[in-house]
Amino acid sequence: MKNTKKIVLASLISVFIGLAFPYVNFAIDQTYQQLKVIVDVMELIKESYVDEIDSQKLIYGAAAGMVRELDDFSQFMEPEVYTRVKSDTEGEFGGIGIRVDLREGWLTVVTPLPNTPAYRAQMYPGDKIIKIEGESTKDMVIDDAIKKLRGVPGTQVKITIAREPEDKNSDWINKDITLTREIIKTENIKSKVIDGKIGYIKAIEFTGHVVEDFSKALDGLKKQGIEALVMDLRYDPGGLLSAAVDISKLFLDNNKMIVYTKGRKPENYQEFRAASQSPYADMPLVILVNRYSASASEIVAGAMQDNKRAVIIGERTFGKASVQSMIPLSDKSALRLTIARYYTPSGRSIHRDEKKGTGGITPDIEVKVSVDSEKKLIQQAEEFFYPGKEESEAAKKQLEQKNPASGENVVINPGRDGQDKKKDPVKDEVLDRAVELLKAREVLGNLKAAK
């Protein structure tokens, strides 16, 4: 009797909701009708497919397929993948020395790190890693892909890369590479004084102690007498939101807006503002960006541009500005779901929309760089910071090479690590434009009307 009463009550409630909220009732009916298609497909596969199939595998496949329709950064993780993502890597690990991101569902190189296996194998920004140990990386969870690239130092990993040809009408070039993992020592910040009074800071990634390292580098440059700064965010894939906000606070004051997030739910709206004062509010600033600048680096560039605090030079940035939430599910699988997006102080959406052609940060001064020049600049990057270092290391390698039979020194061609690089050095046109702009500003600032 009690159960009968419950059924009747539930039916009455359903009728009431349907009468009071006909659109809600219609939406529910439509959703169930759409879900019925998935159930029908599963039943047909189980009954008629040539081989017996595990139902759980079909369900996970359906979940992954749904999420793939959203964006590159929302991902469904099966239990074992989620467990790997949650677990921290213990002890030392080896890697190949690249910054990567997901682009169009593929693991894509943002930049190789100098003096690493990837750098020596001539991997370049834009290369797509399409296979790791023969397994396709298409729609692979990025954390899982990174873990596959890492391993015990001295062990090898075989990858297949696809590189876009110079001729846009030609097919992509596939290449198999076997790399030996090494301990990768990374730097977040590099700095130097250029042209006497201009400081230069390159932010490689917004992770770890980047704010502390950036502040330390800037203080050091200030002590050397710099009066203006070039902040290089080219090839910076981003990282921590907090790091982007804190670095912006060094240059913005008066509680100015840095960035805000907005999603469908009101609780996902959040503002990030500068403090009332900042240590470098008056320092002339130019920021360099390119199509590989993403996420946190775009937040910094957008905040400076909208607040008219810096001049942005280079190419339109990538346009990655989504906030993800990790949601554990009942069977220990998980859903990484985009719940909000970042917006610049003026309300521009940073996130790229290919159909509308919007997103990213459009520079104030656009400077295009050829792919060939980009590659050469990457290869001579260390020479910029440490003149003569690679040449001396190449010479040292020559002296260390001995004939195993006689024990005598053998002269070898240092190749990429030696003087071949110096025969045809390339000018960094983007950096040169920044220096010219800061110099012009100084000259114009000193102009006075004749009495």
Protein backbone atom coordinates (compact mmCIF):
# COMPACT_ATOMS: atom_id res chain seq x y z
CA MET A 1 0.00 0.00 0.00
CA LYS A 2 2.80 2.39 0.94
CA ASN A 3 4.59 1.76 -2.35
CA THR A 4 1.35 2.36 -4.25
CA LYS A 5 0.93 5.70 -2.49
CA LYS A 6 4.50 6.69 -3.38
CA ILE A 7 3.98 5.84 -7.05
CA VAL A 8 0.72 7.82 -7.15
CA LEU A 9 2.37 10.77 -5.39
CA ALA A 10 5.32 10.71 -7.80
CA SER A 11 2.92 10.59 -10.75
CA LEU A 12 0.94 13.55 -9.41
CA ILE A 13 4.16 15.56 -8.88
CA SER A 14 5.27 14.76 -12.44
CA VAL A 15 1.89 15.86 -13.81
CA PHE A 16 2.01 19.07 -11.73
CA ILE A 17 5.56 19.90 -12.95
CA GLY A 18 4.49 19.16 -16.51
CA LEU A 19 1.47 21.48 -16.21
CA ALA A 20 3.25 24.23 -14.30
CA PHE A 21 6.48 24.09 -16.27
CA PRO A 22 5.70 22.70 -19.73
CA TYR A 23 9.09 23.76 -21.15
CA VAL A 24 10.96 21.89 -18.37
CA ASN A 25 8.85 18.80 -19.05
CA PHE A 26 9.56 19.05 -22.78
CA ALA A 27 13.32 19.45 -22.16
CA ILE A 28 13.39 16.36 -19.92
CA ASP A 29 11.45 14.31 -22.48
CA GLN A 30 13.79 15.47 -25.24
CA THR A 31 16.90 14.60 -23.22
CA TYR A 32 15.60 11.08 -22.49
CA GLN A 33 14.72 10.64 -26.15
CA GLN A 34 18.27 11.59 -27.12
CA LEU A 35 19.76 9.27 -24.51
CA LYS A 36 17.63 6.45 -25.90
CA VAL A 37 19.74 6.59 -29.08
CA ILE A 38 22.86 5.73 -27.05
CA VAL A 39 21.05 2.87 -25.30
CA ASP A 40 19.76 1.54 -28.62
CA VAL A 41 23.26 1.64 -30.15
CA MET A 42 24.70 -0.20 -27.14
CA GLU A 43 22.02 -2.89 -27.32
CA LEU A 44 22.54 -3.39 -31.07
CA ILE A 45 26.32 -3.72 -30.57
CA LYS A 46 25.88 -6.22 -27.72
CA GLU A 47 23.38 -8.31 -29.69
CA SER A 48 24.77 -8.20 -33.23
CA TYR A 49 28.44 -7.14 -33.30
CA VAL A 50 30.76 -9.87 -34.60
CA ASP A 51 32.76 -10.03 -31.34
CA GLU A 52 31.60 -9.91 -27.74
CA ILE A 53 32.17 -6.42 -26.29
CA ASP A 54 32.54 -5.29 -22.66
CA SER A 55 29.65 -2.92 -21.80
CA GLN A 56 31.92 -0.82 -19.57
CA LYS A 57 34.23 -0.18 -22.51
CA LEU A 58 31.28 1.05 -24.57
CA ILE A 59 30.13 3.37 -21.78
CA TYR A 60 33.61 4.88 -21.35
CA GLY A 61 33.85 5.29 -25.11
CA ALA A 62 30.51 7.10 -25.20
CA ALA A 63 31.57 9.38 -22.30
CA ALA A 64 34.90 10.20 -23.97
CA GLY A 65 33.12 10.88 -27.27
CA MET A 66 30.69 13.33 -25.63
CA VAL A 67 33.50 15.27 -23.96
CA ARG A 68 35.54 15.43 -27.18
CA GLU A 69 32.72 17.50 -28.68
CA LEU A 70 33.39 20.28 -26.15
CA ASP A 71 37.00 21.53 -26.45
CA ASP A 72 40.63 20.38 -26.34
CA PHE A 73 40.89 20.83 -22.58
CA SER A 74 37.80 19.02 -21.28
CA GLN A 75 38.61 15.32 -20.92
CA PHE A 76 37.06 12.12 -19.60
CA MET A 77 39.52 9.96 -17.64
CA GLU A 78 39.08 6.27 -17.04
CA PRO A 79 39.90 5.17 -13.44
CA GLU A 80 43.49 4.07 -14.13
CA VAL A 81 44.27 7.30 -16.02
CA TYR A 82 42.75 9.44 -13.26
CA THR A 83 44.82 7.55 -10.68
CA ARG A 84 48.01 8.29 -12.65
CA VAL A 85 47.10 11.95 -13.03
CA LYS A 86 46.48 12.33 -9.28
CA SER A 87 49.68 10.60 -8.21
CA ASP A 88 52.80 12.72 -7.91
CA THR A 89 55.97 11.51 -9.56
CA GLU A 90 58.36 10.49 -6.82
CA GLY A 91 62.14 10.89 -6.89
CA GLU A 92 64.09 11.84 -9.98
CA PHE A 93 62.61 11.45 -13.42
CA GLY A 94 64.01 11.80 -16.88
CA GLY A 95 62.46 13.65 -19.76
CA ILE A 96 63.18 14.79 -23.30
CA GLY A 97 63.05 18.55 -22.66
CA ILE A 98 59.97 20.04 -24.32
CA ARG A 99 57.05 22.24 -23.32
CA VAL A 100 53.87 20.75 -24.79
CA ASP A 101 50.18 21.60 -25.10
CA LEU A 102 47.11 20.19 -26.82
CA ARG A 103 46.33 21.71 -30.20
CA GLU A 104 43.45 20.34 -32.29
CA GLY A 105 43.49 17.18 -30.20
CA TRP A 106 47.19 16.49 -30.78
CA LEU A 107 50.12 16.76 -28.37
CA THR A 108 52.03 19.74 -29.77
CA VAL A 109 55.49 21.10 -29.04
CA VAL A 110 55.41 24.69 -27.75
CA THR A 111 59.18 24.95 -27.45
CA PRO A 112 62.19 22.66 -26.93
CA LEU A 113 64.42 23.51 -23.97
CA PRO A 114 68.08 24.29 -24.78
CA ASN A 115 70.65 21.51 -24.37
CA THR A 116 68.10 18.71 -24.01
CA PRO A 117 67.41 15.57 -26.08
CA ALA A 118 64.50 17.25 -27.92
CA TYR A 119 66.63 20.31 -28.70
CA ARG A 120 69.51 18.21 -30.05
CA ALA A 121 67.07 16.15 -32.15
CA GLN A 122 65.94 19.40 -33.81
CA MET A 123 62.36 19.37 -32.61
CA TYR A 124 60.66 22.72 -33.15
CA PRO A 125 57.55 24.63 -32.02
CA GLY A 126 54.48 23.40 -33.85
CA ASP A 127 55.73 19.82 -34.24
CA LYS A 128 52.90 17.42 -33.39
CA ILE A 129 53.85 14.29 -31.44
CA ILE A 130 51.43 11.87 -33.09
CA LYS A 131 52.75 8.65 -31.53
CA ILE A 132 54.57 7.61 -28.36
CA GLU A 133 55.96 4.08 -28.51
CA GLY A 134 53.66 3.39 -31.44
CA GLU A 135 50.51 4.54 -29.61
CA SER A 136 48.53 7.40 -31.14
CA THR A 137 48.34 10.57 -29.03
CA LYS A 138 45.11 11.74 -30.68
CA ASP A 139 42.81 12.96 -27.88
CA MET A 140 45.15 11.47 -25.25
CA VAL A 141 44.89 13.07 -21.80
CA ILE A 142 47.83 15.50 -21.71
CA ASP A 143 48.93 14.43 -18.22
CA ASP A 144 49.02 10.82 -19.41
CA ALA A 145 51.03 11.74 -22.51
CA ILE A 146 53.61 13.64 -20.42
CA LYS A 147 53.99 10.67 -18.10
CA LYS A 148 54.65 8.42 -21.10
CA LEU A 149 57.42 10.76 -22.28
CA ARG A 150 59.03 10.76 -18.84
CA GLY A 151 60.91 7.83 -17.40
CA VAL A 152 64.14 6.65 -15.85
CA PRO A 153 67.15 8.72 -17.04
CA GLY A 154 69.12 6.77 -19.64
CA THR A 155 66.10 4.89 -20.98
CA GLN A 156 64.81 5.53 -24.48
CA VAL A 157 61.45 6.60 -25.83
CA LYS A 158 60.41 6.38 -29.47
CA ILE A 159 58.12 9.09 -30.80
CA THR A 160 56.70 10.00 -34.19
CA ILE A 161 56.39 13.67 -35.04
CA ALA A 162 54.45 15.40 -37.81
CA ARG A 163 55.85 18.70 -39.08
CA GLU A 164 54.03 21.23 -41.22
CA PRO A 165 55.93 21.79 -44.48
CA GLU A 166 57.16 25.21 -45.63
CA ASP A 167 54.81 24.84 -48.62
CA LYS A 168 51.32 24.98 -47.08
CA ASN A 169 49.91 22.96 -49.98
CA SER A 170 52.18 19.98 -49.29
CA ASP A 171 51.50 17.08 -46.92
CA TRP A 172 52.82 17.10 -43.37
CA ILE A 173 56.16 15.34 -42.94
CA ASN A 174 56.25 12.39 -40.51
CA LYS A 175 59.47 11.42 -38.79
CA ASP A 176 60.38 8.74 -36.21
CA ILE A 177 62.77 9.85 -33.46
CA THR A 178 64.29 7.81 -30.65
CA LEU A 179 65.37 9.93 -27.69
CA THR A 180 67.33 9.04 -24.57
CA ARG A 181 65.77 10.53 -21.46
CA GLU A 182 67.86 12.82 -19.25
CA ILE A 183 67.44 14.73 -16.01
CA ILE A 184 65.96 18.01 -17.23
CA LYS A 185 67.08 21.09 -15.32
CA THR A 186 64.61 23.84 -16.10
CA GLU A 187 64.78 27.59 -15.67
CA ASN A 188 61.66 29.70 -15.33
CA ILE A 189 63.37 33.05 -15.86
CA LYS A 190 66.34 34.33 -17.86
CA SER A 191 67.49 37.94 -17.82
CA LYS A 192 70.17 40.34 -19.01
CA VAL A 193 70.87 44.00 -19.73
CA ILE A 194 70.70 44.98 -23.39
CA ASP A 195 71.75 48.29 -24.87
CA GLY A 196 72.88 49.84 -21.61
CA LYS A 197 69.65 51.00 -19.97
CA ILE A 198 67.14 48.38 -21.15
CA GLY A 199 66.45 45.22 -19.17
CA TYR A 200 65.29 41.98 -20.74
CA ILE A 201 63.45 39.17 -18.93
CA LYS A 202 62.29 35.99 -20.64
CA ALA A 203 59.57 34.07 -18.80
CA ILE A 204 59.71 30.44 -19.95
CA GLU A 205 56.67 29.14 -18.05
CA PHE A 206 54.42 30.36 -15.23
CA THR A 207 55.10 27.53 -12.80
CA GLY A 208 57.02 26.85 -9.61
CA HIS A 209 58.86 29.85 -8.18
CA VAL A 210 58.41 32.02 -11.27
CA VAL A 211 57.13 35.09 -9.38
CA GLU A 212 60.00 34.92 -6.91
CA ASP A 213 62.54 34.40 -9.72
CA PHE A 214 61.01 37.18 -11.84
CA SER A 215 61.11 39.67 -8.94
CA LYS A 216 64.69 38.73 -8.14
CA ALA A 217 65.75 39.15 -11.77
CA LEU A 218 63.99 42.52 -12.06
CA ASP A 219 65.55 43.79 -8.83
CA GLY A 220 68.97 42.71 -10.14
CA LEU A 221 68.45 44.53 -13.43
CA LYS A 222 67.30 47.64 -11.59
CA LYS A 223 70.52 47.65 -9.57
CA GLN A 224 72.43 47.55 -12.87
CA GLY A 225 70.76 50.82 -13.85
CA ILE A 226 68.02 49.80 -16.27
CA GLU A 227 65.32 52.37 -16.98
CA ALA A 228 62.98 50.27 -19.15
CA LEU A 229 62.05 46.61 -19.55
CA VAL A 230 61.30 44.12 -22.31
CA MET A 231 59.27 41.14 -21.05
CA ASP A 232 59.52 38.22 -23.48
CA LEU A 233 56.52 35.87 -23.34
CA ARG A 234 57.11 34.19 -26.71
CA TYR A 235 56.70 30.39 -26.56
CA ASP A 236 55.41 30.67 -22.97
CA PRO A 237 52.58 28.08 -22.69
CA GLY A 238 51.31 29.60 -19.44
CA GLY A 239 50.81 27.87 -16.12
CA LEU A 240 49.47 29.21 -12.85
CA LEU A 241 46.80 31.90 -12.81
CA SER A 242 48.18 33.15 -9.49
CA ALA A 243 51.61 33.65 -11.08
CA ALA A 244 50.14 35.71 -13.93
CA VAL A 245 48.23 37.87 -11.45
CA ASP A 246 51.23 38.39 -9.14
CA ILE A 247 53.57 39.35 -12.00
CA SER A 248 50.94 41.79 -13.29
CA LYS A 249 50.78 43.33 -9.81
CA LEU A 250 54.43 44.35 -10.14
CA PHE A 251 53.44 46.81 -12.88
CA LEU A 252 49.81 47.73 -12.15
CA ASP A 253 48.47 49.76 -9.21
CA ASN A 254 45.32 51.56 -8.05
CA ASN A 255 43.31 48.33 -7.77
CA LYS A 256 43.12 48.03 -11.56
CA MET A 257 41.49 44.96 -13.03
CA ILE A 258 43.94 42.28 -14.18
CA VAL A 259 41.58 39.52 -15.34
CA TYR A 260 38.21 38.02 -14.50
CA THR A 261 36.59 34.64 -15.04
CA LYS A 262 33.00 34.03 -16.11
CA GLY A 263 30.99 30.86 -16.72
CA ARG A 264 27.32 29.84 -16.82
CA LYS A 265 27.09 29.61 -13.04
CA PRO A 266 27.29 32.84 -10.97
CA GLU A 267 29.83 31.27 -8.59
CA ASN A 268 32.31 30.96 -11.44
CA TYR A 269 32.57 34.75 -11.74
CA GLN A 270 35.76 35.95 -10.07
CA GLU A 271 37.78 39.16 -10.33
CA PHE A 272 41.54 39.56 -9.88
CA ARG A 273 42.81 43.08 -9.23
CA ALA A 274 46.08 44.88 -8.60
CA ALA A 275 46.98 46.33 -5.19
CA SER A 276 46.85 50.05 -4.40
CA GLN A 277 50.58 50.39 -5.10
CA SER A 278 53.18 48.52 -7.15
CA PRO A 279 56.99 48.67 -7.19
CA TYR A 280 57.36 49.21 -10.95
CA ALA A 281 54.22 51.14 -11.85
CA ASP A 282 56.19 53.76 -13.82
CA MET A 283 58.77 51.60 -15.58
CA PRO A 284 58.40 51.72 -19.41
CA LEU A 285 57.40 48.24 -20.53
CA VAL A 286 57.22 46.33 -23.82
CA ILE A 287 55.90 42.75 -23.99
CA LEU A 288 56.83 40.29 -26.76
CA VAL A 289 54.34 37.57 -27.79
CA ASN A 290 53.83 35.07 -30.59
CA ARG A 291 51.34 32.40 -31.64
CA TYR A 292 52.70 30.00 -29.01
CA SER A 293 52.09 32.39 -26.09
CA ALA A 294 49.11 30.99 -24.20
CA SER A 295 47.09 30.95 -21.00
CA ALA A 296 48.85 32.82 -18.15
CA SER A 297 51.15 34.68 -20.56
CA GLU A 298 48.05 35.95 -22.40
CA ILE A 299 46.54 37.12 -19.13
CA VAL A 300 49.61 39.26 -18.42
CA ALA A 301 49.72 40.67 -21.97
CA GLY A 302 45.96 41.37 -21.98
CA ALA A 303 46.05 43.09 -18.59
CA MET A 304 48.92 45.36 -19.63
CA GLN A 305 47.36 46.16 -22.99
CA ASP A 306 43.87 46.99 -21.67
CA ASN A 307 45.29 49.16 -18.89
CA LYS A 308 47.55 50.90 -21.44
CA ARG A 309 50.50 49.90 -19.30
CA ALA A 310 52.66 48.29 -22.00
CA VAL A 311 53.08 48.03 -25.75
CA ILE A 312 52.57 44.49 -27.09
CA ILE A 313 54.76 43.48 -30.06
CA GLY A 314 54.80 40.29 -32.15
CA GLU A 315 52.02 37.97 -33.36
CA ARG A 316 48.50 37.25 -32.16
CA THR A 317 48.69 34.82 -29.24
CA PHE A 318 47.26 31.32 -29.20
CA GLY A 319 44.01 31.96 -27.34
CA LYS A 320 43.88 29.45 -24.49
CA ALA A 321 41.87 30.90 -21.63
CA SER A 322 39.67 28.27 -20.07
CA VAL A 323 39.22 27.26 -16.43
CA GLN A 324 38.95 23.52 -15.77
CA SER A 325 37.50 21.70 -12.79
CA MET A 326 38.38 18.08 -11.97
CA ILE A 327 35.18 16.21 -11.03
CA PRO A 328 35.56 12.65 -9.62
CA LEU A 329 32.83 10.21 -10.68
CA SER A 330 31.21 7.30 -8.83
CA ASP A 331 33.36 4.54 -10.36
CA LYS A 332 36.68 6.39 -9.72
CA SER A 333 36.80 7.77 -13.23
CA ALA A 334 36.80 11.57 -13.56
CA LEU A 335 35.72 14.44 -15.75
CA ARG A 336 37.97 17.44 -16.38
CA LEU A 337 35.41 20.03 -17.46
CA THR A 338 35.78 23.61 -18.67
CA ILE A 339 33.57 25.66 -16.33
CA ALA A 340 34.64 29.25 -17.11
CA ARG A 341 36.80 31.43 -19.34
CA TYR A 342 39.21 34.28 -18.73
CA TYR A 343 38.39 37.81 -19.90
CA THR A 344 40.67 40.84 -20.13
CA PRO A 345 39.79 43.99 -18.13
CA SER A 346 37.91 45.46 -21.11
CA GLY A 347 35.78 42.31 -21.42
CA ARG A 348 37.56 40.64 -24.34
CA SER A 349 37.42 36.86 -24.36
CA ILE A 350 40.98 35.55 -24.64
CA HIS A 351 39.78 32.11 -25.73
CA ARG A 352 40.19 31.40 -29.43
CA ASP A 353 37.10 30.93 -31.57
CA GLU A 354 38.24 29.65 -34.97
CA LYS A 355 34.83 30.15 -36.61
CA LYS A 356 34.53 33.79 -35.54
CA GLY A 357 38.26 34.48 -35.87
CA THR A 358 38.36 35.93 -32.35
CA GLY A 359 40.44 35.27 -29.27
CA GLY A 360 44.07 35.60 -28.33
CA ILE A 361 45.80 38.93 -27.76
CA THR A 362 46.33 40.98 -30.90
CA PRO A 363 49.61 42.93 -30.58
CA ASP A 364 49.74 46.72 -30.84
CA ILE A 365 52.60 46.34 -33.31
CA GLU A 366 52.55 43.20 -35.46
CA VAL A 367 55.88 41.72 -36.54
CA LYS A 368 55.82 38.50 -38.57
CA VAL A 369 58.76 36.10 -38.34
CA SER A 370 59.39 33.36 -40.91
CA VAL A 371 59.45 29.73 -39.78
CA ASP A 372 63.08 29.42 -40.88
CA SER A 373 64.08 32.47 -38.81
CA GLU A 374 62.18 31.10 -35.82
CA LYS A 375 64.15 27.86 -35.95
CA LYS A 376 67.48 29.66 -36.16
CA LEU A 377 66.57 31.99 -33.31
CA ILE A 378 65.74 28.99 -31.11
CA GLN A 379 69.11 27.46 -31.91
CA GLN A 380 71.05 30.61 -31.10
CA ALA A 381 69.05 31.44 -27.95
CA GLU A 382 71.76 30.27 -25.54
CA GLU A 383 74.36 32.37 -27.35
CA PHE A 384 72.21 35.44 -26.64
CA PHE A 385 72.42 34.87 -22.88
CA TYR A 386 75.85 33.26 -22.65
CA PRO A 387 78.07 34.51 -25.51
CA GLY A 388 80.80 32.01 -26.38
CA LYS A 389 79.52 29.31 -24.03
CA GLU A 390 78.43 26.81 -26.66
CA GLU A 391 81.52 27.43 -28.75
CA SER A 392 83.79 26.66 -25.80
CA GLU A 393 81.72 23.59 -24.91
CA ALA A 394 82.02 22.33 -28.49
CA ALA A 395 85.79 22.83 -28.38
CA LYS A 396 85.91 20.95 -25.09
CA LYS A 397 83.97 18.08 -26.65
CA GLN A 398 86.53 17.94 -29.44
CA LEU A 399 89.38 17.57 -26.96
CA GLU A 400 87.53 14.90 -25.02
CA GLN A 401 86.99 12.68 -28.08
CA LYS A 402 89.69 10.00 -28.28
CA ASN A 403 90.40 7.26 -30.74
CA PRO A 404 89.54 4.05 -28.84
CA ALA A 405 92.41 2.22 -30.54
CA SER A 406 95.27 4.72 -30.11
CA GLY A 407 93.95 6.87 -27.30
CA GLU A 408 94.76 9.98 -29.34
CA ASN A 409 92.46 12.99 -29.59
CA VAL A 410 90.21 12.97 -32.63
CA VAL A 411 88.83 16.21 -34.10
CA ILE A 412 85.11 15.89 -34.74
CA ASN A 413 82.58 18.20 -36.36
CA PRO A 414 80.71 19.90 -33.52
CA GLY A 415 77.71 20.36 -35.85
CA ARG A 416 74.64 21.84 -34.25
CA ASP A 417 76.34 22.44 -30.88
CA GLY A 418 79.28 24.25 -32.43
CA GLN A 419 80.16 26.94 -34.90
CA ASP A 420 77.75 25.96 -37.70
CA LYS A 421 75.19 28.04 -35.86
CA LYS A 422 77.35 31.16 -35.98
CA LYS A 423 77.90 31.19 -39.73
CA ASP A 424 74.52 32.69 -40.42
CA PRO A 425 73.14 34.35 -37.25
CA VAL A 426 69.61 35.70 -37.51
CA LYS A 427 68.45 39.04 -36.17
CA ASP A 428 65.62 38.96 -33.66
CA GLU A 429 63.37 41.46 -35.43
CA VAL A 430 60.72 41.45 -32.69
CA LEU A 431 63.23 42.24 -29.93
CA ASP A 432 64.96 44.83 -32.13
CA ARG A 433 61.62 46.61 -32.65
CA ALA A 434 61.03 46.68 -28.89
CA VAL A 435 64.47 48.20 -28.24
CA GLU A 436 63.91 50.82 -30.97
CA LEU A 437 60.56 51.74 -29.42
CA LEU A 438 62.00 52.18 -25.93
CA LYS A 439 64.90 54.23 -27.29
CA ALA A 440 62.51 56.46 -29.23
CA ARG A 441 60.44 56.94 -26.09
CA GLU A 442 63.51 58.05 -24.18
CA VAL A 443 64.55 60.49 -26.92
CA LEU A 444 61.05 61.92 -27.25
CA GLY A 445 60.79 62.26 -23.48
CA ASN A 446 63.97 64.35 -23.43
CA LEU A 447 62.83 66.73 -26.16
CA LYS A 448 62.26 70.27 -24.96
CA ALA A 449 61.02 73.31 -26.80
CA ALA A 450 63.71 75.89 -27.62
CA LYS A 451 63.53 79.08 -25.59
